[in-house]
Amino acid sequence: MQDIEKLRFAKSHEWIAPDGTVGITDHAQKEVTDVVFVELPPLGKSAAQDGEVATLESVKAAFPINAPVAGKVSAVNDKVAKNPELINQAPYGDGWLFKLDVADAGSLKSLMTNAQYEEFLKTDAAHP
C-alpha cells in the first residue's frame, strides 16, 4: 500500500506516487462504484498532463482516467485488468493502474498534497 502522505493528487481524483505509480483516489472509487472493466494504456504511450490515458467502466458508466502529470507509460497493472474489483478494494494498493516515467519531476509539486486534497473534497468544485 502507498504511503498516502507521499502521494500527490489531481483535481480529477487521480493520485501519483513519487515513483510514477498512478491510481484513483478512495473518493473516486466510491463515486464510480463497482468497477467491472478497465482499459489500460499501452506501454510507451505518451501522456499529456490532464490527458486521458485509461478508462474505467462500472455498472454506472464509463469514466476517463487522466494523467496527473506528463510522461510516458512505463508499466501497467495486469492484476486490475483481470480483477478490476481491486480498484474498489484497494485503490492505494493492488488497485493501482499504471506507472509513468514523469517528464518533469517538478510538475508533481503543482498537484495537491493529501491535506490539500481532503480540503478540496469539501468544496463544490470536487463534485461536478
Protein backbone atom coordinates (compact mmCIF):
# COMPACT_ATOMS: atom_id res chain seq x y z
CA MET A 1 0.00 0.00 0.00
CA GLN A 2 1.19 3.51 -0.83
CA ASP A 3 2.05 5.97 1.93
CA ILE A 4 -0.81 8.42 1.36
CA GLU A 5 1.23 11.33 2.75
CA LYS A 6 3.79 10.90 -0.06
CA LEU A 7 1.17 10.89 -2.82
CA ARG A 8 0.13 13.90 -4.90
CA PHE A 9 -3.45 14.36 -6.06
CA ALA A 10 -5.14 15.82 -9.15
CA LYS A 11 -8.48 17.63 -9.13
CA SER A 12 -9.75 14.84 -11.39
CA HIS A 13 -9.23 12.42 -8.46
CA GLU A 14 -6.13 10.54 -9.60
CA TRP A 15 -3.11 10.09 -7.35
CA ILE A 16 0.54 9.70 -8.27
CA ALA A 17 3.37 8.35 -6.14
CA PRO A 18 6.95 9.67 -6.27
CA ASP A 19 7.89 6.62 -8.40
CA GLY A 20 5.22 7.50 -11.00
CA THR A 21 2.60 4.92 -9.95
CA VAL A 22 -0.91 6.24 -10.73
CA GLY A 23 -4.31 5.22 -9.41
CA ILE A 24 -7.66 6.70 -8.47
CA THR A 25 -8.50 8.01 -5.03
CA ASP A 26 -10.72 6.31 -2.50
CA HIS A 27 -13.24 9.11 -3.07
CA ALA A 28 -13.25 8.38 -6.81
CA GLN A 29 -13.70 4.63 -6.42
CA LYS A 30 -16.69 5.25 -4.14
CA GLU A 31 -18.23 7.59 -6.74
CA VAL A 32 -17.59 5.14 -9.59
CA THR A 33 -18.99 2.22 -7.53
CA ASP A 34 -18.35 -1.32 -8.78
CA VAL A 35 -15.62 -1.30 -11.44
CA VAL A 36 -16.29 -4.11 -13.93
CA PHE A 37 -13.73 -3.33 -16.65
CA VAL A 38 -10.56 -1.28 -17.04
CA GLU A 39 -8.91 -0.28 -20.30
CA LEU A 40 -5.23 0.28 -19.57
CA PRO A 41 -2.89 2.27 -21.82
CA PRO A 42 -0.25 0.60 -23.99
CA LEU A 43 3.34 0.69 -22.78
CA GLY A 44 5.22 3.66 -24.18
CA LYS A 45 2.10 5.80 -24.62
CA SER A 46 2.84 9.48 -24.19
CA ALA A 47 0.54 11.21 -21.76
CA ALA A 48 -0.10 14.92 -21.53
CA GLN A 49 -0.88 16.39 -18.12
CA ASP A 50 -4.64 16.03 -17.60
CA GLY A 51 -4.87 13.99 -20.82
CA GLU A 52 -6.99 10.84 -20.89
CA VAL A 53 -4.85 7.71 -20.51
CA ALA A 54 -7.19 4.92 -19.39
CA THR A 55 -10.89 4.18 -18.92
CA LEU A 56 -12.80 2.56 -16.08
CA GLU A 57 -16.21 1.05 -16.63
CA SER A 58 -18.60 0.47 -13.77
CA VAL A 59 -22.18 -0.62 -13.52
CA LYS A 60 -22.99 3.13 -13.74
CA ALA A 61 -20.98 4.38 -16.73
CA ALA A 62 -17.51 4.75 -18.24
CA PHE A 63 -15.06 7.13 -16.57
CA PRO A 64 -11.87 8.59 -18.11
CA ILE A 65 -8.63 8.35 -16.15
CA ASN A 66 -6.26 11.25 -16.75
CA ALA A 67 -2.52 11.55 -16.30
CA PRO A 68 -1.83 13.74 -13.27
CA VAL A 69 1.41 14.90 -14.96
CA ALA A 70 3.01 14.49 -18.37
CA GLY A 71 5.05 11.38 -19.01
CA LYS A 72 5.31 8.04 -20.75
CA VAL A 73 3.55 4.87 -19.62
CA SER A 74 6.28 2.54 -18.34
CA ALA A 75 4.14 -0.19 -16.72
CA VAL A 76 0.53 -1.27 -16.36
CA ASN A 77 -1.11 -3.27 -13.60
CA ASP A 78 -2.19 -6.50 -15.27
CA LYS A 79 -3.84 -7.58 -12.00
CA VAL A 80 -6.54 -4.91 -12.35
CA ALA A 81 -7.14 -5.86 -15.98
CA LYS A 82 -8.02 -9.37 -14.79
CA ASN A 83 -9.61 -8.32 -11.48
CA PRO A 84 -10.99 -4.77 -11.83
CA GLU A 85 -12.64 -5.02 -8.41
CA LEU A 86 -9.15 -4.44 -6.93
CA ILE A 87 -9.67 -0.77 -7.78
CA ASN A 88 -12.59 -0.67 -5.34
CA GLN A 89 -10.96 -2.92 -2.77
CA ALA A 90 -7.50 -1.31 -2.61
CA PRO A 91 -7.28 1.99 -4.53
CA TYR A 92 -3.93 2.86 -2.88
CA GLY A 93 -2.58 -0.70 -3.00
CA ASP A 94 -3.12 -3.50 -5.51
CA GLY A 95 -5.67 -1.33 -7.36
CA TRP A 96 -3.06 0.97 -8.94
CA LEU A 97 -3.48 1.42 -12.69
CA PHE A 98 -0.23 2.33 -14.46
CA LYS A 99 3.20 3.88 -13.97
CA LEU A 100 4.54 6.96 -15.71
CA ASP A 101 8.10 7.96 -16.45
CA VAL A 102 7.43 11.53 -15.38
CA ALA A 103 8.67 14.09 -17.91
CA ASP A 104 9.31 16.81 -15.29
CA ALA A 105 9.61 15.77 -11.64
CA GLY A 106 8.93 19.39 -10.66
CA SER A 107 5.41 19.07 -12.08
CA LEU A 108 4.47 16.86 -9.11
CA LYS A 109 4.68 19.98 -6.93
CA SER A 110 1.77 21.51 -8.86
CA LEU A 111 -0.51 18.76 -7.54
CA MET A 112 -2.26 18.68 -4.17
CA THR A 113 -0.91 17.06 -1.03
CA ASN A 114 -3.23 14.71 0.86
CA ALA A 115 -4.27 17.51 3.24
CA GLN A 116 -4.99 19.85 0.32
CA TYR A 117 -6.97 17.12 -1.45
CA GLU A 118 -9.07 16.48 1.68
CA GLU A 119 -9.88 20.22 1.79
CA PHE A 120 -10.67 20.19 -1.95
CA LEU A 121 -13.20 17.39 -1.37
CA LYS A 122 -15.14 19.75 0.91
CA THR A 123 -15.68 22.22 -1.96
CA ASP A 124 -18.29 22.23 -4.70
CA ALA A 125 -15.52 22.03 -7.32
CA ALA A 126 -14.83 18.44 -6.25
CA HIS A 127 -18.35 17.36 -7.18
CA PRO A 128 -19.19 18.41 -10.75
